[in-house]
PDB file of all heavy atoms in Angstrom:
ATOM      1  N   SER A   1       0.868  -1.187   0.003  1.00  0.00           N
ATOM      2  CA  SER A   1      -0.001   0.013   0.002  1.00  0.00           C
ATOM      3  C   SER A   1       0.885   1.230  -0.007  1.00  0.00           C
ATOM      4  O   SER A   1       1.963   1.222   0.609  1.00  0.00           O
ATOM      5  CB  SER A   1      -0.899   0.031   1.231  1.00  0.00           C
ATOM      6  OG  SER A   1      -1.491   1.299   1.408  1.00  0.00           O
ATOM      7  N   VAL A   2       0.429   2.287  -0.654  1.00  0.00           N
ATOM      8  CA  VAL A   2       1.214   3.528  -0.653  1.00  0.00           C
ATOM      9  C   VAL A   2       1.279   4.116   0.745  1.00  0.00           C
ATOM     10  O   VAL A   2       2.094   5.004   1.017  1.00  0.00           O
ATOM     11  CB  VAL A   2       0.707   4.565  -1.667  1.00  0.00           C
ATOM     12  CG1 VAL A   2       0.831   4.045  -3.080  1.00  0.00           C
ATOM     13  CG2 VAL A   2      -0.724   4.998  -1.362  1.00  0.00           C
ATOM     14  N   GLN A   3       0.429   3.658   1.629  1.00  0.00           N
ATOM     15  CA  GLN A   3       0.446   4.147   3.034  1.00  0.00           C
ATOM     16  C   GLN A   3       1.347   3.288   3.906  1.00  0.00           C
ATOM     17  O   GLN A   3       1.492   3.596   5.100  1.00  0.00           O
ATOM     18  CB  GLN A   3      -0.987   4.169   3.570  1.00  0.00           C
ATOM     19  CG  GLN A   3      -1.923   5.100   2.827  1.00  0.00           C
ATOM     20  CD  GLN A   3      -1.389   6.518   2.702  1.00  0.00           C
ATOM     21  OE1 GLN A   3      -0.765   7.046   3.644  1.00  0.00           O
ATOM     22  NE2 GLN A   3      -1.627   7.158   1.549  1.00  0.00           N
ATOM     23  N   ASP A   4       1.959   2.279   3.345  1.00  0.00           N
ATOM     24  CA  ASP A   4       2.905   1.462   4.123  1.00  0.00           C
ATOM     25  C   ASP A   4       4.106   2.286   4.503  1.00  0.00           C
ATOM     26  O   ASP A   4       4.674   3.007   3.688  1.00  0.00           O
ATOM     27  CB  ASP A   4       3.382   0.259   3.304  1.00  0.00           C
ATOM     28  CG  ASP A   4       2.340  -0.826   3.152  1.00  0.00           C
ATOM     29  OD1 ASP A   4       1.416  -0.871   3.991  1.00  0.00           O
ATOM     30  OD2 ASP A   4       2.457  -1.632   2.181  1.00  0.00           O
ATOM     31  N   PRO A   5       4.556   2.182   5.771  1.00  0.00           N
ATOM     32  CA  PRO A   5       5.818   2.836   6.138  1.00  0.00           C
ATOM     33  C   PRO A   5       6.974   2.091   5.497  1.00  0.00           C
ATOM     34  O   PRO A   5       6.901   0.877   5.282  1.00  0.00           O
ATOM     35  CB  PRO A   5       5.857   2.709   7.659  1.00  0.00           C
ATOM     36  CG  PRO A   5       5.020   1.508   7.958  1.00  0.00           C
ATOM     37  CD  PRO A   5       3.939   1.482   6.911  1.00  0.00           C
ATOM     38  N   ILE A   6       8.028   2.813   5.184  1.00  0.00           N
ATOM     39  CA  ILE A   6       9.164   2.158   4.516  1.00  0.00           C
ATOM     40  C   ILE A   6       9.861   1.173   5.427  1.00  0.00           C
ATOM     41  O   ILE A   6      10.553   0.255   4.966  1.00  0.00           O
ATOM     42  CB  ILE A   6      10.175   3.176   3.931  1.00  0.00           C
ATOM     43  CG1 ILE A   6      10.824   4.005   5.033  1.00  0.00           C
ATOM     44  CG2 ILE A   6       9.479   4.076   2.913  1.00  0.00           C
ATOM     45  CD1 ILE A   6      11.952   4.917   4.493  1.00  0.00           C
ATOM     46  N   THR A   7       9.642   1.317   6.741  1.00  0.00           N
ATOM     47  CA  THR A   7      10.251   0.372   7.684  1.00  0.00           C
ATOM     48  C   THR A   7       9.589  -1.007   7.600  1.00  0.00           C
ATOM     49  O   THR A   7      10.119  -1.974   8.138  1.00  0.00           O
ATOM     50  CB  THR A   7      10.140   0.911   9.117  1.00  0.00           C
ATOM     51  OG1 THR A   7       8.791   1.326   9.372  1.00  0.00           O
ATOM     52  CG2 THR A   7      11.074   2.094   9.336  1.00  0.00           C
ATOM     53  N   LYS A   8       8.436  -1.118   6.929  1.00  0.00           N
ATOM     54  CA  LYS A   8       7.839  -2.430   6.675  1.00  0.00           C
ATOM     55  C   LYS A   8       8.740  -3.241   5.767  1.00  0.00           C
ATOM     56  O   LYS A   8       8.807  -4.485   5.890  1.00  0.00           O
ATOM     57  CB  LYS A   8       6.458  -2.229   6.035  1.00  0.00           C
ATOM     58  CG  LYS A   8       5.793  -3.549   5.642  1.00  0.00           C
ATOM     59  CD  LYS A   8       4.421  -3.322   4.998  1.00  0.00           C
ATOM     60  CE  LYS A   8       3.806  -4.644   4.544  1.00  0.00           C
ATOM     61  NZ  LYS A   8       2.450  -4.422   3.925  1.00  0.00           N
ATOM     62  N   PHE A   9       9.432  -2.571   4.860  1.00  0.00           N
ATOM     63  CA  PHE A   9      10.279  -3.240   3.913  1.00  0.00           C
ATOM     64  C   PHE A   9      11.748  -3.230   4.344  1.00  0.00           C
ATOM     65  O   PHE A   9      12.516  -4.141   4.036  1.00  0.00           O
ATOM     66  CB  PHE A   9      10.142  -2.582   2.523  1.00  0.00           C
ATOM     67  CG  PHE A   9       8.699  -2.434   2.092  1.00  0.00           C
ATOM     68  CD1 PHE A   9       8.033  -1.225   2.246  1.00  0.00           C
ATOM     69  CD2 PHE A   9       8.021  -3.516   1.577  1.00  0.00           C
ATOM     70  CE1 PHE A   9       6.704  -1.105   1.878  1.00  0.00           C
ATOM     71  CE2 PHE A   9       6.693  -3.401   1.194  1.00  0.00           C
ATOM     72  CZ  PHE A   9       6.027  -2.180   1.354  1.00  0.00           C
ATOM     73  N   PHE A  10      12.118  -2.163   5.060  1.00  0.00           N
ATOM     74  CA  PHE A  10      13.503  -1.999   5.535  1.00  0.00           C
ATOM     75  C   PHE A  10      13.438  -1.623   7.010  1.00  0.00           C
ATOM     76  O   PHE A  10      13.490  -0.435   7.369  1.00  0.00           O
ATOM     77  CB  PHE A  10      14.245  -0.941   4.724  1.00  0.00           C
ATOM     78  CG  PHE A  10      14.229  -1.214   3.236  1.00  0.00           C
ATOM     79  CD1 PHE A  10      13.355  -0.524   2.390  1.00  0.00           C
ATOM     80  CD2 PHE A  10      15.058  -2.185   2.694  1.00  0.00           C
ATOM     81  CE1 PHE A  10      13.326  -0.793   1.048  1.00  0.00           C
ATOM     82  CE2 PHE A  10      15.033  -2.427   1.337  1.00  0.00           C
ATOM     83  CZ  PHE A  10      14.173  -1.752   0.508  1.00  0.00           C
ATOM     84  N   PRO A  11      13.270  -2.613   7.886  1.00  0.00           N
ATOM     85  CA  PRO A  11      13.043  -2.347   9.318  1.00  0.00           C
ATOM     86  C   PRO A  11      14.128  -1.497   9.987  1.00  0.00           C
ATOM     87  O   PRO A  11      13.839  -0.772  10.958  1.00  0.00           O
ATOM     88  CB  PRO A  11      13.002  -3.751   9.938  1.00  0.00           C
ATOM     89  CG  PRO A  11      12.574  -4.639   8.809  1.00  0.00           C
ATOM     90  CD  PRO A  11      13.207  -4.042   7.587  1.00  0.00           C
ATOM     91  N   ASP A  12      15.350  -1.567   9.467  1.00  0.00           N
ATOM     92  CA  ASP A  12      16.443  -0.833  10.108  1.00  0.00           C
ATOM     93  C   ASP A  12      16.701   0.530   9.481  1.00  0.00           C
ATOM     94  O   ASP A  12      17.706   1.189   9.788  1.00  0.00           O
ATOM     95  CB  ASP A  12      17.719  -1.669  10.095  1.00  0.00           C
ATOM     96  CG  ASP A  12      18.245  -1.932   8.669  1.00  0.00           C
ATOM     97  OD1 ASP A  12      17.451  -1.754   7.723  1.00  0.00           O
ATOM     98  OD2 ASP A  12      19.418  -2.311   8.521  1.00  0.00           O
ATOM     99  N   TYR A  13      15.803   0.958   8.575  1.00  0.00           N
ATOM    100  CA  TYR A  13      16.044   2.260   7.918  1.00  0.00           C
ATOM    101  C   TYR A  13      15.894   3.374   8.959  1.00  0.00           C
ATOM    102  O   TYR A  13      14.864   3.487   9.647  1.00  0.00           O
ATOM    103  CB  TYR A  13      15.066   2.489   6.769  1.00  0.00           C
ATOM    104  CG  TYR A  13      15.512   3.669   5.884  1.00  0.00           C
ATOM    105  CD1 TYR A  13      16.262   3.420   4.734  1.00  0.00           C
ATOM    106  CD2 TYR A  13      15.264   4.982   6.249  1.00  0.00           C
ATOM    107  CE1 TYR A  13      16.706   4.455   3.960  1.00  0.00           C
ATOM    108  CE2 TYR A  13      15.729   6.040   5.485  1.00  0.00           C
ATOM    109  CZ  TYR A  13      16.452   5.770   4.335  1.00  0.00           C
ATOM    110  OH  TYR A  13      16.899   6.811   3.582  1.00  0.00           O
ATOM    111  N   PRO A  14      16.893   4.262   9.086  1.00  0.00           N
ATOM    112  CA  PRO A  14      16.821   5.343  10.088  1.00  0.00           C
ATOM    113  C   PRO A  14      15.919   6.470   9.643  1.00  0.00           C
ATOM    114  O   PRO A  14      16.259   7.218   8.730  1.00  0.00           O
ATOM    115  CB  PRO A  14      18.286   5.798  10.201  1.00  0.00           C
ATOM    116  CG  PRO A  14      18.894   5.472   8.863  1.00  0.00           C
ATOM    117  CD  PRO A  14      18.186   4.234   8.371  1.00  0.00           C
ATOM    118  N   THR A  15      14.752   6.610  10.242  1.00  0.00           N
ATOM    119  CA  THR A  15      13.767   7.620   9.832  1.00  0.00           C
ATOM    120  C   THR A  15      13.798   8.864  10.695  1.00  0.00           C
ATOM    121  O   THR A  15      13.000   9.778  10.479  1.00  0.00           O
ATOM    122  CB  THR A  15      12.350   7.035   9.856  1.00  0.00           C
ATOM    123  OG1 THR A  15      12.037   6.652  11.212  1.00  0.00           O
ATOM    124  CG2 THR A  15      12.262   5.802   8.939  1.00  0.00           C
ATOM    125  N   ASP A  16      14.680   8.897  11.708  1.00  0.00           N
ATOM    126  CA  ASP A  16      14.798  10.059  12.583  1.00  0.00           C
ATOM    127  C   ASP A  16      13.466  10.426  13.212  1.00  0.00           C
ATOM    128  O   ASP A  16      13.122  11.601  13.387  1.00  0.00           O
ATOM    129  CB  ASP A  16      15.361  11.261  11.792  1.00  0.00           C
ATOM    130  CG  ASP A  16      15.881  12.357  12.692  1.00  0.00           C
ATOM    131  OD1 ASP A  16      16.248  12.074  13.846  1.00  0.00           O
ATOM    132  OD2 ASP A  16      15.925  13.520  12.254  1.00  0.00           O
ATOM    133  N   GLY A  17      12.674   9.425  13.544  1.00  0.00           N
ATOM    134  CA  GLY A  17      11.397   9.640  14.210  1.00  0.00           C
ATOM    135  C   GLY A  17      10.257  10.011  13.296  1.00  0.00           C
ATOM    136  O   GLY A  17       9.157  10.279  13.758  1.00  0.00           O
ATOM    137  N   ASN A  18      10.521  10.044  11.986  1.00  0.00           N
ATOM    138  CA  ASN A  18       9.469  10.405  11.018  1.00  0.00           C
ATOM    139  C   ASN A  18       8.750   9.158  10.541  1.00  0.00           C
ATOM    140  O   ASN A  18       9.323   8.087  10.428  1.00  0.00           O
ATOM    141  CB  ASN A  18      10.093  11.092   9.795  1.00  0.00           C
ATOM    142  CG  ASN A  18      10.606  12.486  10.125  1.00  0.00           C
ATOM    143  OD1 ASN A  18       9.884  13.446  10.091  1.00  0.00           O
ATOM    144  ND2 ASN A  18      11.895  12.560  10.433  1.00  0.00           N
ATOM    145  N   GLU A  19       7.449   9.289  10.263  1.00  0.00           N
ATOM    146  CA  GLU A  19       6.685   8.225   9.652  1.00  0.00           C
ATOM    147  C   GLU A  19       6.752   8.407   8.135  1.00  0.00           C
ATOM    148  O   GLU A  19       5.949   9.156   7.525  1.00  0.00           O
ATOM    149  CB  GLU A  19       5.224   8.273  10.125  1.00  0.00           C
ATOM    150  CG  GLU A  19       4.306   7.230   9.492  1.00  0.00           C
ATOM    151  CD  GLU A  19       4.449   5.845  10.101  1.00  0.00           C
ATOM    152  OE1 GLU A  19       5.289   5.685  11.023  1.00  0.00           O
ATOM    153  OE2 GLU A  19       3.729   4.935   9.686  1.00  0.00           O
ATOM    154  N   ILE A  20       7.725   7.804   7.516  1.00  0.00           N
ATOM    155  CA  ILE A  20       7.947   7.931   6.049  1.00  0.00           C
ATOM    156  C   ILE A  20       7.237   6.792   5.352  1.00  0.00           C
ATOM    157  O   ILE A  20       7.523   5.613   5.607  1.00  0.00           O
ATOM    158  CB  ILE A  20       9.440   7.909   5.716  1.00  0.00           C
ATOM    159  CG1 ILE A  20      10.210   8.984   6.493  1.00  0.00           C
ATOM    160  CG2 ILE A  20       9.631   8.121   4.210  1.00  0.00           C
ATOM    161  CD1 ILE A  20      11.714   8.908   6.333  1.00  0.00           C
ATOM    162  N   THR A  21       6.289   7.126   4.471  1.00  0.00           N
ATOM    163  CA  THR A  21       5.525   6.094   3.771  1.00  0.00           C
ATOM    164  C   THR A  21       5.946   6.030   2.304  1.00  0.00           C
ATOM    165  O   THR A  21       6.668   6.901   1.812  1.00  0.00           O
ATOM    166  CB  THR A  21       4.018   6.384   3.872  1.00  0.00           C
ATOM    167  OG1 THR A  21       3.747   7.598   3.119  1.00  0.00           O
ATOM    168  CG2 THR A  21       3.560   6.543   5.290  1.00  0.00           C
ATOM    169  N   VAL A  22       5.459   5.026   1.623  1.00  0.00           N
ATOM    170  CA  VAL A  22       5.658   4.909   0.184  1.00  0.00           C
ATOM    171  C   VAL A  22       5.137   6.148  -0.551  1.00  0.00           C
ATOM    172  O   VAL A  22       5.751   6.640  -1.483  1.00  0.00           O
ATOM    173  CB  VAL A  22       4.996   3.620  -0.352  1.00  0.00           C
ATOM    174  CG1 VAL A  22       5.025   3.565  -1.884  1.00  0.00           C
ATOM    175  CG2 VAL A  22       5.645   2.378   0.238  1.00  0.00           C
ATOM    176  N   HIS A  23       4.015   6.657  -0.060  1.00  0.00           N
ATOM    177  CA  HIS A  23       3.449   7.884  -0.602  1.00  0.00           C
ATOM    178  C   HIS A  23       4.427   9.028  -0.590  1.00  0.00           C
ATOM    179  O   HIS A  23       4.591   9.771  -1.577  1.00  0.00           O
ATOM    180  CB  HIS A  23       2.164   8.271   0.209  1.00  0.00           C
ATOM    181  CG  HIS A  23       1.709   9.673   0.022  1.00  0.00           C
ATOM    182  ND1 HIS A  23       0.908  10.078  -1.010  1.00  0.00           N
ATOM    183  CD2 HIS A  23       1.936  10.792   0.767  1.00  0.00           C
ATOM    184  CE1 HIS A  23       0.646  11.353  -0.927  1.00  0.00           C
ATOM    185  NE2 HIS A  23       1.252  11.827   0.136  1.00  0.00           N
ATOM    186  N   HIS A  24       5.148   9.202   0.511  1.00  0.00           N
ATOM    187  CA  HIS A  24       6.130  10.279   0.615  1.00  0.00           C
ATOM    188  C   HIS A  24       7.303  10.096  -0.344  1.00  0.00           C
ATOM    189  O   HIS A  24       7.856  11.093  -0.824  1.00  0.00           O
ATOM    190  CB  HIS A  24       6.659  10.376   2.062  1.00  0.00           C
ATOM    191  CG  HIS A  24       5.611  10.754   3.056  1.00  0.00           C
ATOM    192  ND1 HIS A  24       5.309   9.984   4.160  1.00  0.00           N
ATOM    193  CD2 HIS A  24       4.771  11.843   3.121  1.00  0.00           C
ATOM    194  CE1 HIS A  24       4.348  10.560   4.856  1.00  0.00           C
ATOM    195  NE2 HIS A  24       4.009  11.686   4.249  1.00  0.00           N
ATOM    196  N   LEU A  25       7.663   8.860  -0.616  1.00  0.00           N
ATOM    197  CA  LEU A  25       8.719   8.613  -1.605  1.00  0.00           C
ATOM    198  C   LEU A  25       8.254   8.999  -3.001  1.00  0.00           C
ATOM    199  O   LEU A  25       8.979   9.584  -3.775  1.00  0.00           O
ATOM    200  CB  LEU A  25       9.133   7.146  -1.587  1.00  0.00           C
ATOM    201  CG  LEU A  25       9.619   6.556  -0.255  1.00  0.00           C
ATOM    202  CD1 LEU A  25       9.948   5.075  -0.456  1.00  0.00           C
ATOM    203  CD2 LEU A  25      10.842   7.308   0.265  1.00  0.00           C
ATOM    204  N   LEU A  26       7.007   8.643  -3.309  1.00  0.00           N
ATOM    205  CA  LEU A  26       6.463   8.874  -4.651  1.00  0.00           C
ATOM    206  C   LEU A  26       6.334  10.347  -4.991  1.00  0.00           C
ATOM    207  O   LEU A  26       6.521  10.750  -6.120  1.00  0.00           O
ATOM    208  CB  LEU A  26       5.090   8.192  -4.770  1.00  0.00           C
ATOM    209  CG  LEU A  26       5.111   6.653  -4.907  1.00  0.00           C
ATOM    210  CD1 LEU A  26       3.720   6.080  -4.589  1.00  0.00           C
ATOM    211  CD2 LEU A  26       5.574   6.235  -6.285  1.00  0.00           C
ATOM    212  N   ASN A  27       5.985  11.169  -3.984  1.00  0.00           N
ATOM    213  CA  ASN A  27       5.699  12.574  -4.295  1.00  0.00           C
ATOM    214  C   ASN A  27       6.763  13.534  -3.756  1.00  0.00           C
ATOM    215  O   ASN A  27       6.527  14.756  -3.656  1.00  0.00           O
ATOM    216  CB  ASN A  27       4.303  12.992  -3.819  1.00  0.00           C
ATOM    217  CG  ASN A  27       4.229  13.244  -2.315  1.00  0.00           C
ATOM    218  OD1 ASN A  27       5.093  12.796  -1.543  1.00  0.00           O
ATOM    219  ND2 ASN A  27       3.204  13.943  -1.886  1.00  0.00           N
ATOM    220  N   HIS A  28       7.938  13.022  -3.407  1.00  0.00           N
ATOM    221  CA  HIS A  28       9.098  13.864  -3.040  1.00  0.00           C
ATOM    222  C   HIS A  28       8.880  14.687  -1.766  1.00  0.00           C
ATOM    223  O   HIS A  28       9.347  15.819  -1.655  1.00  0.00           O
ATOM    224  CB  HIS A  28       9.443  14.809  -4.198  1.00  0.00           C
ATOM    225  CG  HIS A  28       9.775  14.120  -5.473  1.00  0.00           C
ATOM    226  ND1 HIS A  28      10.856  13.298  -5.655  1.00  0.00           N
ATOM    227  CD2 HIS A  28       9.103  14.113  -6.662  1.00  0.00           C
ATOM    228  CE1 HIS A  28      10.865  12.829  -6.892  1.00  0.00           C
ATOM    229  NE2 HIS A  28       9.830  13.291  -7.520  1.00  0.00           N
ATOM    230  N   THR A  29       8.174  14.141  -0.775  1.00  0.00           N
ATOM    231  CA  THR A  29       7.987  14.878   0.467  1.00  0.00           C
ATOM    232  C   THR A  29       8.571  14.122   1.648  1.00  0.00           C
ATOM    233  O   THR A  29       8.254  14.442   2.802  1.00  0.00           O
ATOM    234  CB  THR A  29       6.476  15.151   0.708  1.00  0.00           C
ATOM    235  OG1 THR A  29       5.793  13.887   0.772  1.00  0.00           O
ATOM    236  CG2 THR A  29       5.892  16.006  -0.392  1.00  0.00           C
ATOM    237  N   SER A  30       9.456  13.154   1.401  1.00  0.00           N
ATOM    238  CA  SER A  30       9.981  12.332   2.479  1.00  0.00           C
ATOM    239  C   SER A  30      10.961  13.077   3.375  1.00  0.00           C
ATOM    240  O   SER A  30      11.060  12.782   4.569  1.00  0.00           O
ATOM    241  CB  SER A  30      10.671  11.092   1.917  1.00  0.00           C
ATOM    242  OG  SER A  30      11.872  11.452   1.233  1.00  0.00           O
ATOM    243  N   GLY A  31      11.712  14.013   2.800  1.00  0.00           N
ATOM    244  CA  GLY A  31      12.766  14.683   3.558  1.00  0.00           C
ATOM    245  C   GLY A  31      14.092  13.940   3.540  1.00  0.00           C
ATOM    246  O   GLY A  31      15.101  14.423   4.061  1.00  0.00           O
ATOM    247  N   ILE A  32      14.100  12.737   2.935  1.00  0.00           N
ATOM    248  CA  ILE A  32      15.343  11.977   2.827  1.00  0.00           C
ATOM    249  C   ILE A  32      16.319  12.723   1.918  1.00  0.00           C
ATOM    250  O   ILE A  32      15.935  13.336   0.940  1.00  0.00           O
ATOM    251  CB  ILE A  32      15.037  10.558   2.265  1.00  0.00           C
ATOM    252  CG1 ILE A  32      14.267   9.736   3.300  1.00  0.00           C
ATOM    253  CG2 ILE A  32      16.320   9.835   1.889  1.00  0.00           C
ATOM    254  CD1 ILE A  32      13.735   8.423   2.777  1.00  0.00           C
ATOM    255  N   LYS A  33      17.585  12.653   2.245  1.00  0.00           N
ATOM    256  CA  LYS A  33      18.621  13.319   1.430  1.00  0.00           C
ATOM    257  C   LYS A  33      18.670  12.685   0.047  1.00  0.00           C
ATOM    258  O   LYS A  33      18.747  11.470  -0.117  1.00  0.00           O
ATOM    259  CB  LYS A  33      19.986  13.154   2.110  1.00  0.00           C
ATOM    260  CG  LYS A  33      21.158  13.762   1.351  1.00  0.00           C
ATOM    261  CD  LYS A  33      21.138  15.266   1.440  1.00  0.00           C
ATOM    262  CE  LYS A  33      21.341  15.716   2.881  1.00  0.00           C
ATOM    263  NZ  LYS A  33      21.265  17.178   3.011  1.00  0.00           N
ATOM    264  N   SER A  34      18.647  13.538  -0.981  1.00  0.00           N
ATOM    265  CA  SER A  34      18.740  13.051  -2.357  1.00  0.00           C
ATOM    266  C   SER A  34      20.213  12.785  -2.698  1.00  0.00           C
ATOM    267  O   SER A  34      21.053  13.678  -2.633  1.00  0.00           O
ATOM    268  CB  SER A  34      18.171  14.064  -3.350  1.00  0.00           C
ATOM    269  OG  SER A  34      18.204  13.537  -4.663  1.00  0.00           O
ATOM    270  N   TYR A  35      20.516  11.549  -3.048  1.00  0.00           N
ATOM    271  CA  TYR A  35      21.928  11.169  -3.219  1.00  0.00           C
ATOM    272  C   TYR A  35      22.592  11.901  -4.386  1.00  0.00           C
ATOM    273  O   TYR A  35      23.809  12.120  -4.369  1.00  0.00           O
ATOM    274  CB  TYR A  35      22.040   9.657  -3.406  1.00  0.00           C
ATOM    275  CG  TYR A  35      21.605   9.109  -4.750  1.00  0.00           C
ATOM    276  CD1 TYR A  35      22.517   8.736  -5.720  1.00  0.00           C
ATOM    277  CD2 TYR A  35      20.242   8.934  -5.050  1.00  0.00           C
ATOM    278  CE1 TYR A  35      22.132   8.222  -6.937  1.00  0.00           C
ATOM    279  CE2 TYR A  35      19.830   8.429  -6.260  1.00  0.00           C
ATOM    280  CZ  TYR A  35      20.782   8.070  -7.203  1.00  0.00           C
ATOM    281  OH  TYR A  35      20.367   7.573  -8.413  1.00  0.00           O
ATOM    282  N   THR A  36      21.795  12.311  -5.386  1.00  0.00           N
ATOM    283  CA  THR A  36      22.405  13.028  -6.519  1.00  0.00           C
ATOM    284  C   THR A  36      22.810  14.448  -6.143  1.00  0.00           C
ATOM    285  O   THR A  36      23.523  15.082  -6.914  1.00  0.00           O
ATOM    286  CB  THR A  36      21.437  13.039  -7.711  1.00  0.00           C
ATOM    287  OG1 THR A  36      20.157  13.505  -7.276  1.00  0.00           O
ATOM    288  CG2 THR A  36      21.284  11.670  -8.309  1.00  0.00           C
ATOM    289  N   GLY A  37      22.370  14.929  -5.001  1.00  0.00           N
ATOM    290  CA  GLY A  37      22.788  16.243  -4.547  1.00  0.00           C
ATOM    291  C   GLY A  37      23.990  16.203  -3.621  1.00  0.00           C
ATOM    292  O   GLY A  37      24.463  17.239  -3.177  1.00  0.00           O
ATOM    293  N   MET A  38      24.509  15.009  -3.369  1.00  0.00           N
ATOM    294  CA  MET A  38      25.671  14.853  -2.496  1.00  0.00           C
ATOM    295  C   MET A  38      26.926  14.885  -3.343  1.00  0.00           C
ATOM    296  O   MET A  38      27.102  14.027  -4.234  1.00  0.00           O
ATOM    297  CB  MET A  38      25.558  13.533  -1.728  1.00  0.00           C
ATOM    298  CG  MET A  38      24.348  13.454  -0.806  1.00  0.00           C
ATOM    299  SD  MET A  38      24.024  11.757  -0.209  1.00  0.00           S
ATOM    300  CE  MET A  38      25.585  11.408   0.637  1.00  0.00           C
ATOM    301  N   GLN A  39      27.784  15.848  -3.094  1.00  0.00           N
ATOM    302  CA  GLN A  39      28.999  16.001  -3.884  1.00  0.00           C
ATOM    303  C   GLN A  39      29.850  14.729  -3.854  1.00  0.00           C
ATOM    304  O   GLN A  39      30.413  14.301  -4.856  1.00  0.00           O
ATOM    305  CB  GLN A  39      29.821  17.192  -3.378  1.00  0.00           C
ATOM    306  CG  GLN A  39      31.118  17.415  -4.134  1.00  0.00           C
ATOM    307  CD  GLN A  39      30.914  17.783  -5.574  1.00  0.00           C
ATOM    308  OE1 GLN A  39      29.879  18.361  -5.919  1.00  0.00           O
ATOM    309  NE2 GLN A  39      31.845  17.435  -6.452  1.00  0.00           N
ATOM    310  N   SER A  40      29.890  14.075  -2.711  1.00  0.00           N
ATOM    311  CA  SER A  40      30.718  12.897  -2.593  1.00  0.00           C
ATOM    312  C   SER A  40      30.242  11.774  -3.495  1.00  0.00           C
ATOM    313  O   SER A  40      31.014  10.896  -3.897  1.00  0.00           O
ATOM    314  CB  SER A  40      30.727  12.407  -1.142  1.00  0.00           C
ATOM    315  OG  SER A  40      29.407  12.225  -0.639  1.00  0.00           O
ATOM    316  N   PHE A  41      28.944  11.778  -3.844  1.00  0.00           N
ATOM    317  CA  PHE A  41      28.449  10.689  -4.667  1.00  0.00           C
ATOM    318  C   PHE A  41      28.896  10.851  -6.116  1.00  0.00           C
ATOM    319  O   PHE A  41      28.955   9.866  -6.873  1.00  0.00           O
ATOM    320  CB  PHE A  41      26.906  10.644  -4.630  1.00  0.00           C
ATOM    321  CG  PHE A  41      26.349   9.389  -5.243  1.00  0.00           C
ATOM    322  CD1 PHE A  41      26.323   8.229  -4.507  1.00  0.00           C
ATOM    323  CD2 PHE A  41      25.860   9.376  -6.538  1.00  0.00           C
ATOM    324  CE1 PHE A  41      25.809   7.045  -5.075  1.00  0.00           C
ATOM    325  CE2 PHE A  41      25.380   8.221  -7.113  1.00  0.00           C
ATOM    326  CZ  PHE A  41      25.343   7.037  -6.369  1.00  0.00           C
TER     327      PHE A  41
END
């Protein structure tokens, strides 16, 4: 479900106390760091 938290699939993912769902990944509102914006990447 798009309302599933991502920890359902990756239990050890560090969410910093946020309830991050599949919905948030789909519409760019998760707050997770975008890897393409990281100079080191």
